[in-house]
Amino acid sequence: MAVSDAALPWLIAAGVACAVAVLAGLGERRRKRRVDLDRVGWIDWPSVQMVALIAVAIFGVIAWHA
């Protein structure tokens, strides 16, 4: 099955959003396993991951209909 030219940018965007979600998951794992508990981060990794997963779903639906 070939990917149409209209769907390709949306699939790439979904892939990038998926990579961001994976990296956010790794960032949260690293934050939870830190040794120095006083060194808190400034990025809310679960929120980043949730937004990225929502973006994956939206881009996937747009690519499906393109």
PDB file of N, CA and C in Angstrom:
ATOM      1  N   MET A   1       0.838  -1.178   0.000  1.00  0.00           N
ATOM      2  CA  MET A   1       0.000   0.000   0.000  1.00  0.00           C
ATOM      3  C   MET A   1       0.882   1.239   0.000  1.00  0.00           C
ATOM      4  N   ALA A   2       0.678   2.089  -0.951  1.00  0.00           N
ATOM      5  CA  ALA A   2       1.482   3.297  -1.076  1.00  0.00           C
ATOM      6  C   ALA A   2       0.852   4.437  -0.286  1.00  0.00           C
ATOM      7  N   VAL A   3       1.698   5.304   0.202  1.00  0.00           N
ATOM      8  CA  VAL A   3       1.247   6.478   0.947  1.00  0.00           C
ATOM      9  C   VAL A   3       1.048   7.614  -0.045  1.00  0.00           C
ATOM     10  N   SER A   4      -0.100   8.284   0.063  1.00  0.00           N
ATOM     11  CA  SER A   4      -0.353   9.390  -0.860  1.00  0.00           C
ATOM     12  C   SER A   4       0.530  10.586  -0.496  1.00  0.00           C
ATOM     13  N   ASP A   5       0.696  11.439  -1.487  1.00  0.00           N
ATOM     14  CA  ASP A   5       1.514  12.642  -1.275  1.00  0.00           C
ATOM     15  C   ASP A   5       0.886  13.572  -0.255  1.00  0.00           C
ATOM     16  N   ALA A   6      -0.423  13.571  -0.146  1.00  0.00           N
ATOM     17  CA  ALA A   6      -1.099  14.453   0.807  1.00  0.00           C
ATOM     18  C   ALA A   6      -0.942  13.954   2.238  1.00  0.00           C
ATOM     19  N   ALA A   7      -0.791  12.652   2.425  1.00  0.00           N
ATOM     20  CA  ALA A   7      -0.706  12.086   3.776  1.00  0.00           C
ATOM     21  C   ALA A   7       0.718  12.088   4.331  1.00  0.00           C
ATOM     22  N   LEU A   8       1.706  12.173   3.471  1.00  0.00           N
ATOM     23  CA  LEU A   8       3.093  12.051   3.919  1.00  0.00           C
ATOM     24  C   LEU A   8       3.510  13.097   4.957  1.00  0.00           C
ATOM     25  N   PRO A   9       3.213  14.384   4.784  1.00  0.00           N
ATOM     26  CA  PRO A   9       3.615  15.355   5.823  1.00  0.00           C
ATOM     27  C   PRO A   9       2.946  15.085   7.172  1.00  0.00           C
ATOM     28  N   TRP A  10       1.698  14.606   7.143  1.00  0.00           N
ATOM     29  CA  TRP A  10       0.996  14.319   8.394  1.00  0.00           C
ATOM     30  C   TRP A  10       1.585  13.093   9.073  1.00  0.00           C
ATOM     31  N   LEU A  11       2.027  12.119   8.298  1.00  0.00           N
ATOM     32  CA  LEU A  11       2.670  10.942   8.880  1.00  0.00           C
ATOM     33  C   LEU A  11       4.029  11.294   9.481  1.00  0.00           C
ATOM     34  N   ILE A  12       4.741  12.189   8.829  1.00  0.00           N
ATOM     35  CA  ILE A  12       6.021  12.643   9.374  1.00  0.00           C
ATOM     36  C   ILE A  12       5.791  13.400  10.678  1.00  0.00           C
ATOM     37  N   ALA A  13       4.778  14.258  10.696  1.00  0.00           N
ATOM     38  CA  ALA A  13       4.457  15.001  11.917  1.00  0.00           C
ATOM     39  C   ALA A  13       4.053  14.045  13.039  1.00  0.00           C
ATOM     40  N   ALA A  14       3.300  12.996  12.713  1.00  0.00           N
ATOM     41  CA  ALA A  14       2.926  12.001  13.718  1.00  0.00           C
ATOM     42  C   ALA A  14       4.150  11.263  14.235  1.00  0.00           C
ATOM     43  N   GLY A  15       5.094  10.976  13.361  1.00  0.00           N
ATOM     44  CA  GLY A  15       6.329  10.311  13.785  1.00  0.00           C
ATOM     45  C   GLY A  15       7.162  11.187  14.702  1.00  0.00           C
ATOM     46  N   VAL A  16       7.238  12.472  14.393  1.00  0.00           N
ATOM     47  CA  VAL A  16       7.981  13.402  15.250  1.00  0.00           C
ATOM     48  C   VAL A  16       7.302  13.529  16.605  1.00  0.00           C
ATOM     49  N   ALA A  17       5.976  13.622  16.604  1.00  0.00           N
ATOM     50  CA  ALA A  17       5.239  13.719  17.865  1.00  0.00           C
ATOM     51  C   ALA A  17       5.406  12.440  18.690  1.00  0.00           C
ATOM     52  N   CYS A  18       5.454  11.307  18.022  1.00  0.00           N
ATOM     53  CA  CYS A  18       5.677  10.039  18.720  1.00  0.00           C
ATOM     54  C   CYS A  18       7.075  10.013  19.347  1.00  0.00           C
ATOM     55  N   ALA A  19       8.056  10.516  18.635  1.00  0.00           N
ATOM     56  CA  ALA A  19       9.415  10.581  19.186  1.00  0.00           C
ATOM     57  C   ALA A  19       9.465  11.517  20.392  1.00  0.00           C
ATOM     58  N   VAL A  20       8.754  12.631  20.327  1.00  0.00           N
ATOM     59  CA  VAL A  20       8.694  13.555  21.467  1.00  0.00           C
ATOM     60  C   VAL A  20       8.046  12.872  22.666  1.00  0.00           C
ATOM     61  N   ALA A  21       6.996  12.085  22.422  1.00  0.00           N
ATOM     62  CA  ALA A  21       6.325  11.372  23.516  1.00  0.00           C
ATOM     63  C   ALA A  21       7.265  10.361  24.169  1.00  0.00           C
ATOM     64  N   VAL A  22       8.035   9.657  23.368  1.00  0.00           N
ATOM     65  CA  VAL A  22       8.995   8.687  23.919  1.00  0.00           C
ATOM     66  C   VAL A  22      10.074   9.404  24.720  1.00  0.00           C
ATOM     67  N   LEU A  23      10.599  10.500  24.187  1.00  0.00           N
ATOM     68  CA  LEU A  23      11.622  11.254  24.905  1.00  0.00           C
ATOM     69  C   LEU A  23      11.073  11.847  26.200  1.00  0.00           C
ATOM     70  N   ALA A  24       9.816  12.270  26.198  1.00  0.00           N
ATOM     71  CA  ALA A  24       9.204  12.790  27.423  1.00  0.00           C
ATOM     72  C   ALA A  24       9.057  11.676  28.454  1.00  0.00           C
ATOM     73  N   GLY A  25       8.726  10.485  28.010  1.00  0.00           N
ATOM     74  CA  GLY A  25       8.663   9.347  28.925  1.00  0.00           C
ATOM     75  C   GLY A  25      10.015   9.035  29.538  1.00  0.00           C
ATOM     76  N   LEU A  26      11.051   9.112  28.726  1.00  0.00           N
ATOM     77  CA  LEU A  26      12.406   8.894  29.253  1.00  0.00           C
ATOM     78  C   LEU A  26      12.817  10.011  30.209  1.00  0.00           C
ATOM     79  N   GLY A  27      12.410  11.234  29.906  1.00  0.00           N
ATOM     80  CA  GLY A  27      12.711  12.353  30.800  1.00  0.00           C
ATOM     81  C   GLY A  27      12.033  12.198  32.148  1.00  0.00           C
ATOM     82  N   GLU A  28      10.797  11.728  32.145  1.00  0.00           N
ATOM     83  CA  GLU A  28      10.085  11.499  33.406  1.00  0.00           C
ATOM     84  C   GLU A  28      10.720  10.354  34.197  1.00  0.00           C
ATOM     85  N   ARG A  29      11.144   9.318  33.494  1.00  0.00           N
ATOM     86  CA  ARG A  29      11.820   8.202  34.174  1.00  0.00           C
ATOM     87  C   ARG A  29      13.117   8.677  34.818  1.00  0.00           C
ATOM     88  N   ARG A  30      13.854   9.511  34.098  1.00  0.00           N
ATOM     89  CA  ARG A  30      15.104  10.053  34.635  1.00  0.00           C
ATOM     90  C   ARG A  30      14.831  10.949  35.838  1.00  0.00           C
ATOM     91  N   ARG A  31      13.760  11.755  35.765  1.00  0.00           N
ATOM     92  CA  ARG A  31      13.415  12.642  36.876  1.00  0.00           C
ATOM     93  C   ARG A  31      13.034  11.846  38.120  1.00  0.00           C
ATOM     94  N   LYS A  32      12.306  10.767  37.940  1.00  0.00           N
ATOM     95  CA  LYS A  32      11.874   9.967  39.086  1.00  0.00           C
ATOM     96  C   LYS A  32      13.026   9.189  39.720  1.00  0.00           C
ATOM     97  N   ARG A  33      14.046   8.878  38.949  1.00  0.00           N
ATOM     98  CA  ARG A  33      15.162   8.082  39.453  1.00  0.00           C
ATOM     99  C   ARG A  33      16.371   8.920  39.864  1.00  0.00           C
ATOM    100  N   ARG A  34      16.193  10.242  39.990  1.00  0.00           N
ATOM    101  CA  ARG A  34      17.323  11.105  40.318  1.00  0.00           C
ATOM    102  C   ARG A  34      17.822  10.813  41.736  1.00  0.00           C
ATOM    103  N   VAL A  35      19.107  10.983  41.927  1.00  0.00           N
ATOM    104  CA  VAL A  35      19.728  10.718  43.221  1.00  0.00           C
ATOM    105  C   VAL A  35      19.576  11.922  44.136  1.00  0.00           C
ATOM    106  N   ASP A  36      19.835  13.117  43.615  1.00  0.00           N
ATOM    107  CA  ASP A  36      19.738  14.344  44.402  1.00  0.00           C
ATOM    108  C   ASP A  36      18.306  14.863  44.314  1.00  0.00           C
ATOM    109  N   LEU A  37      17.518  14.640  45.357  1.00  0.00           N
ATOM    110  CA  LEU A  37      16.103  15.013  45.328  1.00  0.00           C
ATOM    111  C   LEU A  37      15.880  16.518  45.326  1.00  0.00           C
ATOM    112  N   ASP A  38      16.904  17.300  45.663  1.00  0.00           N
ATOM    113  CA  ASP A  38      16.771  18.751  45.648  1.00  0.00           C
ATOM    114  C   ASP A  38      16.915  19.343  44.251  1.00  0.00           C
ATOM    115  N   ARG A  39      17.404  18.557  43.312  1.00  0.00           N
ATOM    116  CA  ARG A  39      17.552  19.035  41.933  1.00  0.00           C
ATOM    117  C   ARG A  39      16.285  18.708  41.158  1.00  0.00           C
ATOM    118  N   VAL A  40      15.338  19.600  41.251  1.00  0.00           N
ATOM    119  CA  VAL A  40      14.084  19.381  40.526  1.00  0.00           C
ATOM    120  C   VAL A  40      14.187  20.003  39.142  1.00  0.00           C
ATOM    121  N   GLY A  41      13.474  19.445  38.215  1.00  0.00           N
ATOM    122  CA  GLY A  41      13.475  19.965  36.858  1.00  0.00           C
ATOM    123  C   GLY A  41      12.416  21.033  36.676  1.00  0.00           C
ATOM    124  N   TRP A  42      12.439  21.675  35.530  1.00  0.00           N
ATOM    125  CA  TRP A  42      11.467  22.727  35.259  1.00  0.00           C
ATOM    126  C   TRP A  42      10.505  22.342  34.148  1.00  0.00           C
ATOM    127  N   ILE A  43      10.649  21.131  33.616  1.00  0.00           N
ATOM    128  CA  ILE A  43       9.746  20.661  32.568  1.00  0.00           C
ATOM    129  C   ILE A  43       8.807  19.624  33.163  1.00  0.00           C
ATOM    130  N   ASP A  44       7.510  19.793  32.926  1.00  0.00           N
ATOM    131  CA  ASP A  44       6.509  18.842  33.377  1.00  0.00           C
ATOM    132  C   ASP A  44       6.382  17.746  32.308  1.00  0.00           C
ATOM    133  N   TRP A  45       7.185  16.695  32.448  1.00  0.00           N
ATOM    134  CA  TRP A  45       7.273  15.665  31.420  1.00  0.00           C
ATOM    135  C   TRP A  45       5.963  14.935  31.151  1.00  0.00           C
ATOM    136  N   PRO A  46       5.143  14.622  32.163  1.00  0.00           N
ATOM    137  CA  PRO A  46       3.874  13.966  31.837  1.00  0.00           C
ATOM    138  C   PRO A  46       2.957  14.826  30.961  1.00  0.00           C
ATOM    139  N   SER A  47       2.959  16.129  31.171  1.00  0.00           N
ATOM    140  CA  SER A  47       2.144  17.005  30.328  1.00  0.00           C
ATOM    141  C   SER A  47       2.674  17.049  28.899  1.00  0.00           C
ATOM    142  N   VAL A  48       3.986  17.093  28.759  1.00  0.00           N
ATOM    143  CA  VAL A  48       4.595  17.078  27.424  1.00  0.00           C
ATOM    144  C   VAL A  48       4.237  15.779  26.713  1.00  0.00           C
ATOM    145  N   GLN A  49       4.305  14.672  27.437  1.00  0.00           N
ATOM    146  CA  GLN A  49       3.987  13.381  26.845  1.00  0.00           C
ATOM    147  C   GLN A  49       2.517  13.312  26.433  1.00  0.00           C
ATOM    148  N   MET A  50       1.622  13.820  27.269  1.00  0.00           N
ATOM    149  CA  MET A  50       0.201  13.778  26.945  1.00  0.00           C
ATOM    150  C   MET A  50      -0.118  14.630  25.721  1.00  0.00           C
ATOM    151  N   VAL A  51       0.452  15.813  25.643  1.00  0.00           N
ATOM    152  CA  VAL A  51       0.220  16.674  24.472  1.00  0.00           C
ATOM    153  C   VAL A  51       0.775  16.011  23.211  1.00  0.00           C
ATOM    154  N   ALA A  52       1.935  15.384  23.323  1.00  0.00           N
ATOM    155  CA  ALA A  52       2.530  14.711  22.163  1.00  0.00           C
ATOM    156  C   ALA A  52       1.673  13.526  21.716  1.00  0.00           C
ATOM    157  N   LEU A  53       1.122  12.774  22.663  1.00  0.00           N
ATOM    158  CA  LEU A  53       0.272  11.638  22.295  1.00  0.00           C
ATOM    159  C   LEU A  53      -1.041  12.105  21.655  1.00  0.00           C
ATOM    160  N   ILE A  54      -1.575  13.204  22.144  1.00  0.00           N
ATOM    161  CA  ILE A  54      -2.772  13.764  21.505  1.00  0.00           C
ATOM    162  C   ILE A  54      -2.445  14.223  20.087  1.00  0.00           C
ATOM    163  N   ALA A  55      -1.271  14.824  19.916  1.00  0.00           N
ATOM    164  CA  ALA A  55      -0.844  15.253  18.580  1.00  0.00           C
ATOM    165  C   ALA A  55      -0.673  14.052  17.650  1.00  0.00           C
ATOM    166  N   VAL A  56      -0.136  12.948  18.164  1.00  0.00           N
ATOM    167  CA  VAL A  56      -0.005  11.733  17.346  1.00  0.00           C
ATOM    168  C   VAL A  56      -1.375  11.278  16.873  1.00  0.00           C
ATOM    169  N   ALA A  57      -2.343  11.263  17.777  1.00  0.00           N
ATOM    170  CA  ALA A  57      -3.693  10.826  17.404  1.00  0.00           C
ATOM    171  C   ALA A  57      -4.305  11.759  16.359  1.00  0.00           C
ATOM    172  N   ILE A  58      -4.165  13.051  16.550  1.00  0.00           N
ATOM    173  CA  ILE A  58      -4.752  14.014  15.602  1.00  0.00           C
ATOM    174  C   ILE A  58      -4.072  13.903  14.242  1.00  0.00           C
ATOM    175  N   PHE A  59      -2.744  13.873  14.225  1.00  0.00           N
ATOM    176  CA  PHE A  59      -2.029  13.775  12.954  1.00  0.00           C
ATOM    177  C   PHE A  59      -2.320  12.449  12.257  1.00  0.00           C
ATOM    178  N   GLY A  60      -2.484  11.388  13.034  1.00  0.00           N
ATOM    179  CA  GLY A  60      -2.817  10.095  12.442  1.00  0.00           C
ATOM    180  C   GLY A  60      -4.186  10.098  11.781  1.00  0.00           C
ATOM    181  N   VAL A  61      -5.148  10.716  12.434  1.00  0.00           N
ATOM    182  CA  VAL A  61      -6.488  10.800  11.847  1.00  0.00           C
ATOM    183  C   VAL A  61      -6.480  11.662  10.587  1.00  0.00           C
ATOM    184  N   ILE A  62      -5.743  12.769  10.622  1.00  0.00           N
ATOM    185  CA  ILE A  62      -5.656  13.632   9.440  1.00  0.00           C
ATOM    186  C   ILE A  62      -4.974  12.874   8.283  1.00  0.00           C
ATOM    187  N   ALA A  63      -3.919  12.129   8.585  1.00  0.00           N
ATOM    188  CA  ALA A  63      -3.233  11.358   7.545  1.00  0.00           C
ATOM    189  C   ALA A  63      -4.135  10.261   7.000  1.00  0.00           C
ATOM    190  N   TRP A  64      -4.936   9.669   7.858  1.00  0.00           N
ATOM    191  CA  TRP A  64      -5.850   8.603   7.424  1.00  0.00           C
ATOM    192  C   TRP A  64      -6.861   9.138   6.404  1.00  0.00           C
ATOM    193  N   HIS A  65      -7.332  10.360   6.623  1.00  0.00           N
ATOM    194  CA  HIS A  65      -8.340  10.938   5.751  1.00  0.00           C
ATOM    195  C   HIS A  65      -7.754  11.705   4.573  1.00  0.00           C
ATOM    196  N   ALA A  66      -6.447  11.883   4.544  1.00  0.00           N
ATOM    197  CA  ALA A  66      -5.826  12.638   3.449  1.00  0.00           C
ATOM    198  C   ALA A  66      -5.698  11.793   2.191  1.00  0.00           C
TER     199      ALA A  66
END
